[in-house]
Protein backbone atom coordinates (compact mmCIF):
# COMPACT_ATOMS: atom_id res chain seq x y z
CA UNK A 1 -21.63 -36.90 -47.28
CA UNK A 2 -20.25 -33.49 -47.32
CA UNK A 3 -16.40 -33.02 -48.16
CA UNK A 4 -14.49 -30.97 -45.71
CA UNK A 5 -10.69 -29.08 -46.74
CA UNK A 6 -8.10 -29.65 -44.48
CA UNK A 7 -5.74 -27.09 -43.92
CA UNK A 8 -2.45 -27.87 -42.60
CA UNK A 9 -2.25 -27.15 -39.42
CA UNK A 10 0.91 -24.95 -40.51
CA UNK A 11 -0.87 -23.21 -42.54
CA UNK A 12 -3.38 -21.71 -40.15
CA UNK A 13 -0.81 -20.48 -37.26
CA UNK A 14 1.43 -17.75 -37.97
CA UNK A 15 4.67 -18.38 -38.20
CA UNK A 16 6.30 -19.17 -34.88
CA UNK A 17 8.69 -15.91 -35.88
CA UNK A 18 5.71 -13.79 -35.88
CA UNK A 19 4.46 -15.27 -32.15
CA UNK A 20 7.88 -14.75 -30.36
CA UNK A 21 8.18 -11.30 -32.22
CA UNK A 22 4.73 -10.53 -30.62
CA UNK A 23 5.56 -11.89 -27.02
CA UNK A 24 8.77 -10.43 -27.09
CA UNK A 25 7.11 -6.86 -27.75
CA UNK A 26 4.32 -7.49 -25.21
CA UNK A 27 6.84 -8.48 -22.61
CA UNK A 28 9.01 -5.61 -23.73
CA UNK A 29 6.10 -3.28 -22.94
CA UNK A 30 5.05 -4.78 -19.63
CA UNK A 31 8.22 -4.95 -18.31
CA UNK A 32 8.36 -0.88 -18.46
CA UNK A 33 8.96 0.36 -15.30
CA UNK A 34 5.63 2.57 -14.87
CA UNK A 35 3.73 -0.94 -15.49
CA UNK A 36 5.27 -2.87 -12.81
CA UNK A 37 4.78 -3.59 -9.61
CA UNK A 38 1.24 -1.67 -8.79
CA UNK A 39 0.45 -2.76 -5.01
CA UNK A 40 -2.99 -2.79 -3.68
CA UNK A 41 -4.09 -0.30 -1.58
CA UNK A 42 -4.58 -2.67 1.79
CA UNK A 43 -1.14 -3.99 0.73
CA UNK A 44 0.93 -0.27 0.57
CA UNK A 45 -1.15 0.50 4.08
CA UNK A 46 0.34 -2.05 5.35
CA UNK A 47 4.11 -1.87 4.08
CA UNK A 48 3.06 2.08 6.03
CA UNK A 49 1.88 0.73 9.31
CA UNK A 50 5.03 -1.62 9.41
CA UNK A 51 7.38 1.47 8.43
CA UNK A 52 5.62 3.01 11.27
CA UNK A 53 6.32 0.58 14.17
CA UNK A 54 9.84 -0.09 13.15
CA UNK A 55 10.87 3.62 12.90
CA UNK A 56 12.84 4.49 15.84
CA UNK A 57 10.82 7.80 16.53
CA UNK A 58 8.15 5.88 17.50
CA UNK A 59 9.89 4.69 20.71
CA UNK A 60 11.51 7.83 21.18
CA UNK A 61 7.79 10.10 20.90
CA UNK A 62 6.24 7.07 22.55
CA UNK A 63 8.95 5.16 25.42
CA UNK A 64 7.44 1.68 25.71
CA UNK A 65 3.69 2.72 25.70
CA UNK A 66 1.81 -0.15 24.62
CA UNK A 67 0.44 0.83 20.83
CA UNK A 68 -3.67 -0.43 20.67
CA UNK A 69 -4.35 0.82 17.60
CA UNK A 70 -2.70 2.62 14.37
CA UNK A 71 -5.63 4.49 12.54
CA UNK A 72 -5.85 5.23 8.63
CA UNK A 73 -7.21 8.46 8.35
CA UNK A 74 -6.50 11.42 5.38
CA UNK A 75 -2.88 12.40 5.39
CA UNK A 76 -1.08 9.81 7.05
CA UNK A 77 -2.47 7.52 10.39
CA UNK A 78 -3.01 8.09 14.28
CA UNK A 79 -1.34 6.11 16.19
CA UNK A 80 -2.75 5.24 19.85
CA UNK A 81 -2.17 4.39 23.45
CA UNK A 82 -3.74 4.07 26.68
CA UNK A 83 -3.27 7.98 26.78
CA UNK A 84 -1.83 9.33 24.49
CA UNK A 85 -2.31 9.25 20.85
CA UNK A 86 -0.18 11.11 18.00
CA UNK A 87 -0.57 11.98 14.46
CA UNK A 88 1.93 10.45 11.46
CA UNK A 89 1.78 12.30 8.34
CA UNK A 90 2.89 10.13 5.13
CA UNK A 91 4.14 12.58 2.60
CA UNK A 92 4.47 10.37 -0.72
CA UNK A 93 7.51 10.82 -3.26
CA UNK A 94 7.21 10.89 -6.46
CA UNK A 95 9.16 8.29 -8.71
CA UNK A 96 7.36 8.81 -12.15
CA UNK A 97 5.81 4.88 -11.71
CA UNK A 98 3.46 2.62 -10.83
CA UNK A 99 4.08 0.74 -7.56
CA UNK A 100 4.95 0.26 -4.02
CA UNK A 101 4.73 3.78 -3.34
CA UNK A 102 7.73 5.91 -1.83
CA UNK A 103 7.02 7.78 1.20
CA UNK A 104 8.77 9.61 4.55
CA UNK A 105 6.88 9.79 7.51
CA UNK A 106 6.65 12.64 10.01
CA UNK A 107 5.92 12.10 13.31
CA UNK A 108 4.17 14.53 15.21
CA UNK A 109 3.96 15.36 18.98
CA UNK A 110 1.83 12.58 21.05
CA UNK A 111 -0.96 14.42 23.00
CA UNK A 112 -3.16 13.27 25.71
CA UNK A 113 -6.50 11.48 24.83
CA UNK A 114 -8.91 13.82 26.66
CA UNK A 115 -11.56 11.50 27.79
CA UNK A 116 -14.76 12.31 28.89
CA UNK A 117 -15.72 11.12 32.01
CA UNK A 118 -20.04 10.23 33.61
CA UNK A 119 -21.20 13.38 35.27
CA UNK A 120 -22.37 11.30 38.29
CA UNK A 121 -25.81 13.24 39.63
CA UNK A 122 -25.33 13.85 43.11
CA UNK A 123 -27.96 11.14 45.34
CA UNK A 124 -30.95 13.33 47.10
């Protein structure tokens, strides 16, 4: 049988102070503001939709109309009711950090939905 030299665990592992220093360095880097709090896009959209729904300008502009849909479009959202739609622009504010984006909402005037009615052909 072959003889195996065993190395004491303490000799094989780095000293605790070395590990602590590396962990502390890593934690310090991870706690930098530019690395904390990134949101997935779908979560950021949910935050924006909630901000639209809770903004008093929504009721000022649409009254008590029932919201059928809030659709994501380039640069913002379209809020759709039975008879109107309204664009809400999302203006992102630079923060210099990763994470929940800071933004302002710009509500446009609602416009009536143009519905194309079917043309009835005269009966002969």
